[in-house]
Amino acid sequence: MTLGEYLMYWIDNLKVNVKVDTIQIHRRNIRFYINPRIGDYQLKDYSFNVHQKFINNLFMEEGAGRSKHGYGWNTVQSSPSIRRSQTP
């Protein structure tokens, strides 16, 4: 199973008791920020180092965000895979 497949499973089956708007935001973030960059990773191959590199690259991605020099903290933090990694 890939990370992208898992996140869609998560949003459809495990993310319950959440407002419809929140689910739509998560789906958009998965579609625009996660799947194009790391969605094809097999879960077994997805490590902390890969995740940290993904986060770092979002902050530094040329042509992205308002500054065109990377996404801001609020955009990066809104990604479901990042939120999940921040929970103990």
PDB file of N, CA and C in Angstrom:
ATOM      1  N   MET A   1       0.854  -1.180   0.000  1.00  0.00           N
ATOM      2  CA  MET A   1       0.000   0.000   0.000  1.00  0.00           C
ATOM      3  C   MET A   1       0.899   1.242   0.000  1.00  0.00           C
ATOM      4  N   THR A   2       0.528   2.216  -0.821  1.00  0.00           N
ATOM      5  CA  THR A   2       1.307   3.453  -0.874  1.00  0.00           C
ATOM      6  C   THR A   2       0.809   4.437   0.184  1.00  0.00           C
ATOM      7  N   LEU A   3       1.617   5.451   0.435  1.00  0.00           N
ATOM      8  CA  LEU A   3       1.223   6.495   1.374  1.00  0.00           C
ATOM      9  C   LEU A   3      -0.051   7.188   0.896  1.00  0.00           C
ATOM     10  N   GLY A   4      -0.146   7.471  -0.397  1.00  0.00           N
ATOM     11  CA  GLY A   4      -1.337   8.108  -0.945  1.00  0.00           C
ATOM     12  C   GLY A   4      -2.585   7.265  -0.750  1.00  0.00           C
ATOM     13  N   GLU A   5      -2.458   5.957  -0.979  1.00  0.00           N
ATOM     14  CA  GLU A   5      -3.591   5.057  -0.767  1.00  0.00           C
ATOM     15  C   GLU A   5      -3.993   5.023   0.698  1.00  0.00           C
ATOM     16  N   TYR A   6      -2.978   4.964   1.579  1.00  0.00           N
ATOM     17  CA  TYR A   6      -3.278   4.936   3.004  1.00  0.00           C
ATOM     18  C   TYR A   6      -3.987   6.214   3.451  1.00  0.00           C
ATOM     19  N   LEU A   7      -3.524   7.354   2.976  1.00  0.00           N
ATOM     20  CA  LEU A   7      -4.146   8.607   3.396  1.00  0.00           C
ATOM     21  C   LEU A   7      -5.596   8.694   2.931  1.00  0.00           C
ATOM     22  N   MET A   8      -5.899   8.163   1.746  1.00  0.00           N
ATOM     23  CA  MET A   8      -7.294   8.150   1.298  1.00  0.00           C
ATOM     24  C   MET A   8      -8.115   7.190   2.162  1.00  0.00           C
ATOM     25  N   TYR A   9      -7.536   6.057   2.535  1.00  0.00           N
ATOM     26  CA  TYR A   9      -8.212   5.130   3.450  1.00  0.00           C
ATOM     27  C   TYR A   9      -8.457   5.823   4.791  1.00  0.00           C
ATOM     28  N   TRP A  10      -7.441   6.509   5.280  1.00  0.00           N
ATOM     29  CA  TRP A  10      -7.532   7.227   6.559  1.00  0.00           C
ATOM     30  C   TRP A  10      -8.663   8.245   6.520  1.00  0.00           C
ATOM     31  N   ILE A  11      -8.718   9.026   5.452  1.00  0.00           N
ATOM     32  CA  ILE A  11      -9.724  10.089   5.368  1.00  0.00           C
ATOM     33  C   ILE A  11     -11.124   9.506   5.219  1.00  0.00           C
ATOM     34  N   ASP A  12     -11.248   8.367   4.536  1.00  0.00           N
ATOM     35  CA  ASP A  12     -12.557   7.761   4.302  1.00  0.00           C
ATOM     36  C   ASP A  12     -13.050   6.910   5.470  1.00  0.00           C
ATOM     37  N   ASN A  13     -12.141   6.312   6.229  1.00  0.00           N
ATOM     38  CA  ASN A  13     -12.545   5.323   7.225  1.00  0.00           C
ATOM     39  C   ASN A  13     -12.162   5.645   8.665  1.00  0.00           C
ATOM     40  N   LEU A  14     -11.103   6.377   8.865  1.00  0.00           N
ATOM     41  CA  LEU A  14     -10.605   6.590  10.222  1.00  0.00           C
ATOM     42  C   LEU A  14     -10.820   8.004  10.742  1.00  0.00           C
ATOM     43  N   LYS A  15     -10.968   8.935   9.855  1.00  0.00           N
ATOM     44  CA  LYS A  15     -11.160  10.343  10.245  1.00  0.00           C
ATOM     45  C   LYS A  15     -12.663  10.560  10.407  1.00  0.00           C
ATOM     46  N   VAL A  16     -13.189  10.222  11.575  1.00  0.00           N
ATOM     47  CA  VAL A  16     -14.628  10.305  11.813  1.00  0.00           C
ATOM     48  C   VAL A  16     -14.933  11.455  12.768  1.00  0.00           C
ATOM     49  N   ASN A  17     -16.203  11.814  12.835  1.00  0.00           N
ATOM     50  CA  ASN A  17     -16.659  12.911  13.691  1.00  0.00           C
ATOM     51  C   ASN A  17     -15.937  14.221  13.395  1.00  0.00           C
ATOM     52  N   VAL A  18     -15.763  14.497  12.118  1.00  0.00           N
ATOM     53  CA  VAL A  18     -15.085  15.708  11.667  1.00  0.00           C
ATOM     54  C   VAL A  18     -16.020  16.434  10.708  1.00  0.00           C
ATOM     55  N   LYS A  19     -15.999  17.739  10.755  1.00  0.00           N
ATOM     56  CA  LYS A  19     -16.845  18.526   9.862  1.00  0.00           C
ATOM     57  C   LYS A  19     -16.490  18.260   8.399  1.00  0.00           C
ATOM     58  N   VAL A  20     -17.501  18.359   7.563  1.00  0.00           N
ATOM     59  CA  VAL A  20     -17.329  18.121   6.125  1.00  0.00           C
ATOM     60  C   VAL A  20     -16.264  19.046   5.558  1.00  0.00           C
ATOM     61  N   ASP A  21     -16.253  20.304   5.970  1.00  0.00           N
ATOM     62  CA  ASP A  21     -15.255  21.253   5.462  1.00  0.00           C
ATOM     63  C   ASP A  21     -13.841  20.812   5.803  1.00  0.00           C
ATOM     64  N   THR A  22     -13.642  20.254   6.988  1.00  0.00           N
ATOM     65  CA  THR A  22     -12.323  19.783   7.401  1.00  0.00           C
ATOM     66  C   THR A  22     -11.877  18.622   6.519  1.00  0.00           C
ATOM     67  N   ILE A  23     -12.786  17.700   6.240  1.00  0.00           N
ATOM     68  CA  ILE A  23     -12.469  16.573   5.360  1.00  0.00           C
ATOM     69  C   ILE A  23     -12.091  17.080   3.972  1.00  0.00           C
ATOM     70  N   GLN A  24     -12.819  18.067   3.467  1.00  0.00           N
ATOM     71  CA  GLN A  24     -12.514  18.622   2.151  1.00  0.00           C
ATOM     72  C   GLN A  24     -11.130  19.267   2.130  1.00  0.00           C
ATOM     73  N   ILE A  25     -10.777  19.962   3.194  1.00  0.00           N
ATOM     74  CA  ILE A  25      -9.440  20.574   3.291  1.00  0.00           C
ATOM     75  C   ILE A  25      -8.370  19.492   3.287  1.00  0.00           C
ATOM     76  N   HIS A  26      -8.573  18.433   4.076  1.00  0.00           N
ATOM     77  CA  HIS A  26      -7.596  17.337   4.096  1.00  0.00           C
ATOM     78  C   HIS A  26      -7.462  16.696   2.714  1.00  0.00           C
ATOM     79  N   ARG A  27      -8.581  16.449   2.050  1.00  0.00           N
ATOM     80  CA  ARG A  27      -8.534  15.852   0.709  1.00  0.00           C
ATOM     81  C   ARG A  27      -7.749  16.742  -0.265  1.00  0.00           C
ATOM     82  N   ARG A  28      -8.005  18.044  -0.203  1.00  0.00           N
ATOM     83  CA  ARG A  28      -7.289  18.981  -1.085  1.00  0.00           C
ATOM     84  C   ARG A  28      -5.794  18.966  -0.784  1.00  0.00           C
ATOM     85  N   ASN A  29      -5.448  18.984   0.492  1.00  0.00           N
ATOM     86  CA  ASN A  29      -4.034  18.981   0.854  1.00  0.00           C
ATOM     87  C   ASN A  29      -3.344  17.696   0.422  1.00  0.00           C
ATOM     88  N   ILE A  30      -4.023  16.576   0.561  1.00  0.00           N
ATOM     89  CA  ILE A  30      -3.469  15.306   0.088  1.00  0.00           C
ATOM     90  C   ILE A  30      -3.258  15.365  -1.422  1.00  0.00           C
ATOM     91  N   ARG A  31      -4.247  15.853  -2.134  1.00  0.00           N
ATOM     92  CA  ARG A  31      -4.185  15.900  -3.602  1.00  0.00           C
ATOM     93  C   ARG A  31      -3.109  16.857  -4.118  1.00  0.00           C
ATOM     94  N   PHE A  32      -2.987  18.035  -3.504  1.00  0.00           N
ATOM     95  CA  PHE A  32      -2.070  19.050  -4.028  1.00  0.00           C
ATOM     96  C   PHE A  32      -0.659  19.003  -3.448  1.00  0.00           C
ATOM     97  N   TYR A  33      -0.518  18.639  -2.198  1.00  0.00           N
ATOM     98  CA  TYR A  33       0.791  18.729  -1.549  1.00  0.00           C
ATOM     99  C   TYR A  33       1.453  17.379  -1.312  1.00  0.00           C
ATOM    100  N   ILE A  34       0.686  16.370  -0.960  1.00  0.00           N
ATOM    101  CA  ILE A  34       1.287  15.096  -0.569  1.00  0.00           C
ATOM    102  C   ILE A  34       1.443  14.147  -1.753  1.00  0.00           C
ATOM    103  N   ASN A  35       0.343  13.825  -2.417  1.00  0.00           N
ATOM    104  CA  ASN A  35       0.415  12.829  -3.486  1.00  0.00           C
ATOM    105  C   ASN A  35       1.416  13.155  -4.586  1.00  0.00           C
ATOM    106  N   PRO A  36       1.513  14.395  -5.057  1.00  0.00           N
ATOM    107  CA  PRO A  36       2.483  14.658  -6.125  1.00  0.00           C
ATOM    108  C   PRO A  36       3.941  14.470  -5.681  1.00  0.00           C
ATOM    109  N   ARG A  37       4.209  14.584  -4.399  1.00  0.00           N
ATOM    110  CA  ARG A  37       5.584  14.542  -3.916  1.00  0.00           C
ATOM    111  C   ARG A  37       5.962  13.191  -3.297  1.00  0.00           C
ATOM    112  N   ILE A  38       5.069  12.631  -2.493  1.00  0.00           N
ATOM    113  CA  ILE A  38       5.423  11.415  -1.759  1.00  0.00           C
ATOM    114  C   ILE A  38       4.314  10.369  -1.769  1.00  0.00           C
ATOM    115  N   GLY A  39       3.262  10.585  -2.500  1.00  0.00           N
ATOM    116  CA  GLY A  39       2.122   9.677  -2.506  1.00  0.00           C
ATOM    117  C   GLY A  39       2.433   8.284  -3.020  1.00  0.00           C
ATOM    118  N   ASP A  40       3.481   8.126  -3.840  1.00  0.00           N
ATOM    119  CA  ASP A  40       3.823   6.827  -4.411  1.00  0.00           C
ATOM    120  C   ASP A  40       4.737   5.988  -3.528  1.00  0.00           C
ATOM    121  N   TYR A  41       5.196   6.543  -2.412  1.00  0.00           N
ATOM    122  CA  TYR A  41       6.045   5.764  -1.501  1.00  0.00           C
ATOM    123  C   TYR A  41       5.259   4.595  -0.929  1.00  0.00           C
ATOM    124  N   GLN A  42       5.864   3.434  -0.915  1.00  0.00           N
ATOM    125  CA  GLN A  42       5.291   2.304  -0.199  1.00  0.00           C
ATOM    126  C   GLN A  42       5.396   2.603   1.292  1.00  0.00           C
ATOM    127  N   LEU A  43       4.358   2.282   2.055  1.00  0.00           N
ATOM    128  CA  LEU A  43       4.380   2.570   3.491  1.00  0.00           C
ATOM    129  C   LEU A  43       5.603   1.957   4.162  1.00  0.00           C
ATOM    130  N   LYS A  44       5.983   0.766   3.752  1.00  0.00           N
ATOM    131  CA  LYS A  44       7.129   0.099   4.378  1.00  0.00           C
ATOM    132  C   LYS A  44       8.435   0.843   4.120  1.00  0.00           C
ATOM    133  N   ASP A  45       8.486   1.664   3.082  1.00  0.00           N
ATOM    134  CA  ASP A  45       9.692   2.411   2.730  1.00  0.00           C
ATOM    135  C   ASP A  45       9.668   3.853   3.234  1.00  0.00           C
ATOM    136  N   TYR A  46       8.556   4.253   3.802  1.00  0.00           N
ATOM    137  CA  TYR A  46       8.411   5.649   4.223  1.00  0.00           C
ATOM    138  C   TYR A  46       8.976   5.818   5.628  1.00  0.00           C
ATOM    139  N   SER A  47      10.114   6.468   5.708  1.00  0.00           N
ATOM    140  CA  SER A  47      10.837   6.595   6.972  1.00  0.00           C
ATOM    141  C   SER A  47      10.756   8.021   7.505  1.00  0.00           C
ATOM    142  N   PHE A  48      11.242   8.182   8.722  1.00  0.00           N
ATOM    143  CA  PHE A  48      11.323   9.517   9.314  1.00  0.00           C
ATOM    144  C   PHE A  48      12.164  10.438   8.433  1.00  0.00           C
ATOM    145  N   ASN A  49      13.277   9.929   7.910  1.00  0.00           N
ATOM    146  CA  ASN A  49      14.158  10.761   7.086  1.00  0.00           C
ATOM    147  C   ASN A  49      13.455  11.219   5.803  1.00  0.00           C
ATOM    148  N   VAL A  50      12.690  10.337   5.182  1.00  0.00           N
ATOM    149  CA  VAL A  50      11.931  10.712   3.981  1.00  0.00           C
ATOM    150  C   VAL A  50      10.906  11.781   4.343  1.00  0.00           C
ATOM    151  N   HIS A  51      10.236  11.588   5.476  1.00  0.00           N
ATOM    152  CA  HIS A  51       9.222  12.553   5.915  1.00  0.00           C
ATOM    153  C   HIS A  51       9.837  13.921   6.195  1.00  0.00           C
ATOM    154  N   GLN A  52      10.978  13.933   6.879  1.00  0.00           N
ATOM    155  CA  GLN A  52      11.632  15.204   7.193  1.00  0.00           C
ATOM    156  C   GLN A  52      12.087  15.913   5.920  1.00  0.00           C
ATOM    157  N   LYS A  53      12.586  15.147   4.956  1.00  0.00           N
ATOM    158  CA  LYS A  53      13.000  15.739   3.684  1.00  0.00           C
ATOM    159  C   LYS A  53      11.798  16.347   2.957  1.00  0.00           C
ATOM    160  N   PHE A  54      10.656  15.649   2.995  1.00  0.00           N
ATOM    161  CA  PHE A  54       9.423  16.167   2.399  1.00  0.00           C
ATOM    162  C   PHE A  54       9.047  17.506   3.025  1.00  0.00           C
ATOM    163  N   ILE A  55       9.067  17.588   4.347  1.00  0.00           N
ATOM    164  CA  ILE A  55       8.726  18.831   5.048  1.00  0.00           C
ATOM    165  C   ILE A  55       9.708  19.934   4.673  1.00  0.00           C
ATOM    166  N   ASN A  56      10.994  19.643   4.734  1.00  0.00           N
ATOM    167  CA  ASN A  56      12.007  20.643   4.404  1.00  0.00           C
ATOM    168  C   ASN A  56      11.836  21.158   2.981  1.00  0.00           C
ATOM    169  N   ASN A  57      11.547  20.252   2.059  1.00  0.00           N
ATOM    170  CA  ASN A  57      11.377  20.658   0.658  1.00  0.00           C
ATOM    171  C   ASN A  57      10.158  21.552   0.457  1.00  0.00           C
ATOM    172  N   LEU A  58       9.091  21.323   1.233  1.00  0.00           N
ATOM    173  CA  LEU A  58       7.935  22.213   1.121  1.00  0.00           C
ATOM    174  C   LEU A  58       8.318  23.651   1.477  1.00  0.00           C
ATOM    175  N   PHE A  59       9.151  23.809   2.493  1.00  0.00           N
ATOM    176  CA  PHE A  59       9.574  25.145   2.902  1.00  0.00           C
ATOM    177  C   PHE A  59      10.485  25.814   1.882  1.00  0.00           C
ATOM    178  N   MET A  60      11.175  25.019   1.068  1.00  0.00           N
ATOM    179  CA  MET A  60      12.185  25.577   0.163  1.00  0.00           C
ATOM    180  C   MET A  60      11.851  25.438  -1.314  1.00  0.00           C
ATOM    181  N   GLU A  61      10.685  24.903  -1.655  1.00  0.00           N
ATOM    182  CA  GLU A  61      10.343  24.614  -3.045  1.00  0.00           C
ATOM    183  C   GLU A  61      10.233  25.891  -3.876  1.00  0.00           C
ATOM    184  N   GLU A  62      11.111  26.007  -4.856  1.00  0.00           N
ATOM    185  CA  GLU A  62      11.110  27.183  -5.723  1.00  0.00           C
ATOM    186  C   GLU A  62       9.812  27.251  -6.522  1.00  0.00           C
ATOM    187  N   GLY A  63       9.248  28.447  -6.609  1.00  0.00           N
ATOM    188  CA  GLY A  63       8.029  28.665  -7.362  1.00  0.00           C
ATOM    189  C   GLY A  63       6.760  28.365  -6.585  1.00  0.00           C
ATOM    190  N   ALA A  64       6.913  27.942  -5.338  1.00  0.00           N
ATOM    191  CA  ALA A  64       5.748  27.563  -4.532  1.00  0.00           C
ATOM    192  C   ALA A  64       5.439  28.624  -3.490  1.00  0.00           C
ATOM    193  N   GLY A  65       4.183  28.718  -3.149  1.00  0.00           N
ATOM    194  CA  GLY A  65       3.757  29.663  -2.121  1.00  0.00           C
ATOM    195  C   GLY A  65       3.691  31.083  -2.628  1.00  0.00           C
ATOM    196  N   ARG A  66       3.256  31.963  -1.735  1.00  0.00           N
ATOM    197  CA  ARG A  66       3.129  33.376  -2.113  1.00  0.00           C
ATOM    198  C   ARG A  66       4.464  34.009  -2.465  1.00  0.00           C
ATOM    199  N   SER A  67       5.497  33.609  -1.730  1.00  0.00           N
ATOM    200  CA  SER A  67       6.822  34.201  -1.958  1.00  0.00           C
ATOM    201  C   SER A  67       7.507  33.603  -3.181  1.00  0.00           C
ATOM    202  N   LYS A  68       6.976  32.502  -3.691  1.00  0.00           N
ATOM    203  CA  LYS A  68       7.575  31.740  -4.793  1.00  0.00           C
ATOM    204  C   LYS A  68       8.914  31.127  -4.390  1.00  0.00           C
ATOM    205  N   HIS A  69       9.182  31.080  -3.071  1.00  0.00           N
ATOM    206  CA  HIS A  69      10.411  30.477  -2.551  1.00  0.00           C
ATOM    207  C   HIS A  69      10.097  29.429  -1.496  1.00  0.00           C
ATOM    208  N   GLY A  70       8.934  28.828  -1.568  1.00  0.00           N
ATOM    209  CA  GLY A  70       8.552  27.794  -0.613  1.00  0.00           C
ATOM    210  C   GLY A  70       7.255  28.143   0.081  1.00  0.00           C
ATOM    211  N   TYR A  71       6.617  27.104   0.622  1.00  0.00           N
ATOM    212  CA  TYR A  71       5.355  27.296   1.327  1.00  0.00           C
ATOM    213  C   TYR A  71       5.596  27.812   2.735  1.00  0.00           C
ATOM    214  N   GLY A  72       4.603  28.503   3.276  1.00  0.00           N
ATOM    215  CA  GLY A  72       4.673  29.018   4.633  1.00  0.00           C
ATOM    216  C   GLY A  72       4.291  27.954   5.651  1.00  0.00           C
ATOM    217  N   TRP A  73       4.541  28.257   6.915  1.00  0.00           N
ATOM    218  CA  TRP A  73       4.287  27.325   8.001  1.00  0.00           C
ATOM    219  C   TRP A  73       2.839  26.847   8.031  1.00  0.00           C
ATOM    220  N   ASN A  74       1.869  27.736   7.858  1.00  0.00           N
ATOM    221  CA  ASN A  74       0.463  27.330   7.931  1.00  0.00           C
ATOM    222  C   ASN A  74       0.098  26.325   6.852  1.00  0.00           C
ATOM    223  N   THR A  75       0.626  26.507   5.658  1.00  0.00           N
ATOM    224  CA  THR A  75       0.364  25.556   4.577  1.00  0.00           C
ATOM    225  C   THR A  75       1.005  24.215   4.889  1.00  0.00           C
ATOM    226  N   VAL A  76       2.246  24.235   5.312  1.00  0.00           N
ATOM    227  CA  VAL A  76       2.955  22.993   5.614  1.00  0.00           C
ATOM    228  C   VAL A  76       2.283  22.266   6.771  1.00  0.00           C
ATOM    229  N   GLN A  77       1.911  22.992   7.795  1.00  0.00           N
ATOM    230  CA  GLN A  77       1.302  22.383   8.973  1.00  0.00           C
ATOM    231  C   GLN A  77      -0.076  21.786   8.672  1.00  0.00           C
ATOM    232  N   SER A  78      -0.765  22.305   7.680  1.00  0.00           N
ATOM    233  CA  SER A  78      -2.119  21.832   7.388  1.00  0.00           C
ATOM    234  C   SER A  78      -2.146  20.465   6.714  1.00  0.00           C
ATOM    235  N   SER A  79      -0.995  19.958   6.317  1.00  0.00           N
ATOM    236  CA  SER A  79      -0.927  18.663   5.665  1.00  0.00           C
ATOM    237  C   SER A  79      -1.233  17.544   6.657  1.00  0.00           C
ATOM    238  N   PRO A  80      -2.159  16.635   6.326  1.00  0.00           N
ATOM    239  CA  PRO A  80      -2.517  15.567   7.265  1.00  0.00           C
ATOM    240  C   PRO A  80      -1.350  14.708   7.705  1.00  0.00           C
ATOM    241  N   SER A  81      -0.409  14.393   6.806  1.00  0.00           N
ATOM    242  CA  SER A  81       0.698  13.535   7.216  1.00  0.00           C
ATOM    243  C   SER A  81       1.609  14.246   8.192  1.00  0.00           C
ATOM    244  N   ILE A  82       1.678  15.560   8.116  1.00  0.00           N
ATOM    245  CA  ILE A  82       2.500  16.317   9.050  1.00  0.00           C
ATOM    246  C   ILE A  82       1.819  16.386  10.394  1.00  0.00           C
ATOM    247  N   ARG A  83       0.528  16.640  10.411  1.00  0.00           N
ATOM    248  CA  ARG A  83      -0.206  16.662  11.680  1.00  0.00           C
ATOM    249  C   ARG A  83      -0.106  15.328  12.392  1.00  0.00           C
ATOM    250  N   ARG A  84      -0.232  14.244  11.631  1.00  0.00           N
ATOM    251  CA  ARG A  84      -0.172  12.927  12.235  1.00  0.00           C
ATOM    252  C   ARG A  84       1.211  12.683  12.832  1.00  0.00           C
ATOM    253  N   SER A  85       2.253  13.186  12.198  1.00  0.00           N
ATOM    254  CA  SER A  85       3.599  12.957  12.705  1.00  0.00           C
ATOM    255  C   SER A  85       3.872  13.775  13.963  1.00  0.00           C
ATOM    256  N   GLN A  86       3.083  14.800  14.211  1.00  0.00           N
ATOM    257  CA  GLN A  86       3.310  15.650  15.381  1.00  0.00           C
ATOM    258  C   GLN A  86       2.616  15.119  16.626  1.00  0.00           C
ATOM    259  N   THR A  87       1.743  14.132  16.465  1.00  0.00           N
ATOM    260  CA  THR A  87       1.039  13.609  17.632  1.00  0.00           C
ATOM    261  C   THR A  87       1.881  12.545  18.294  1.00  0.00           C
ATOM    262  N   PRO A  88       1.919  12.571  19.628  1.00  0.00           N
ATOM    263  CA  PRO A  88       2.790  11.616  20.335  1.00  0.00           C
ATOM    264  C   PRO A  88       2.302  10.196  20.204  1.00  0.00           C
TER     265      PRO A  88
END
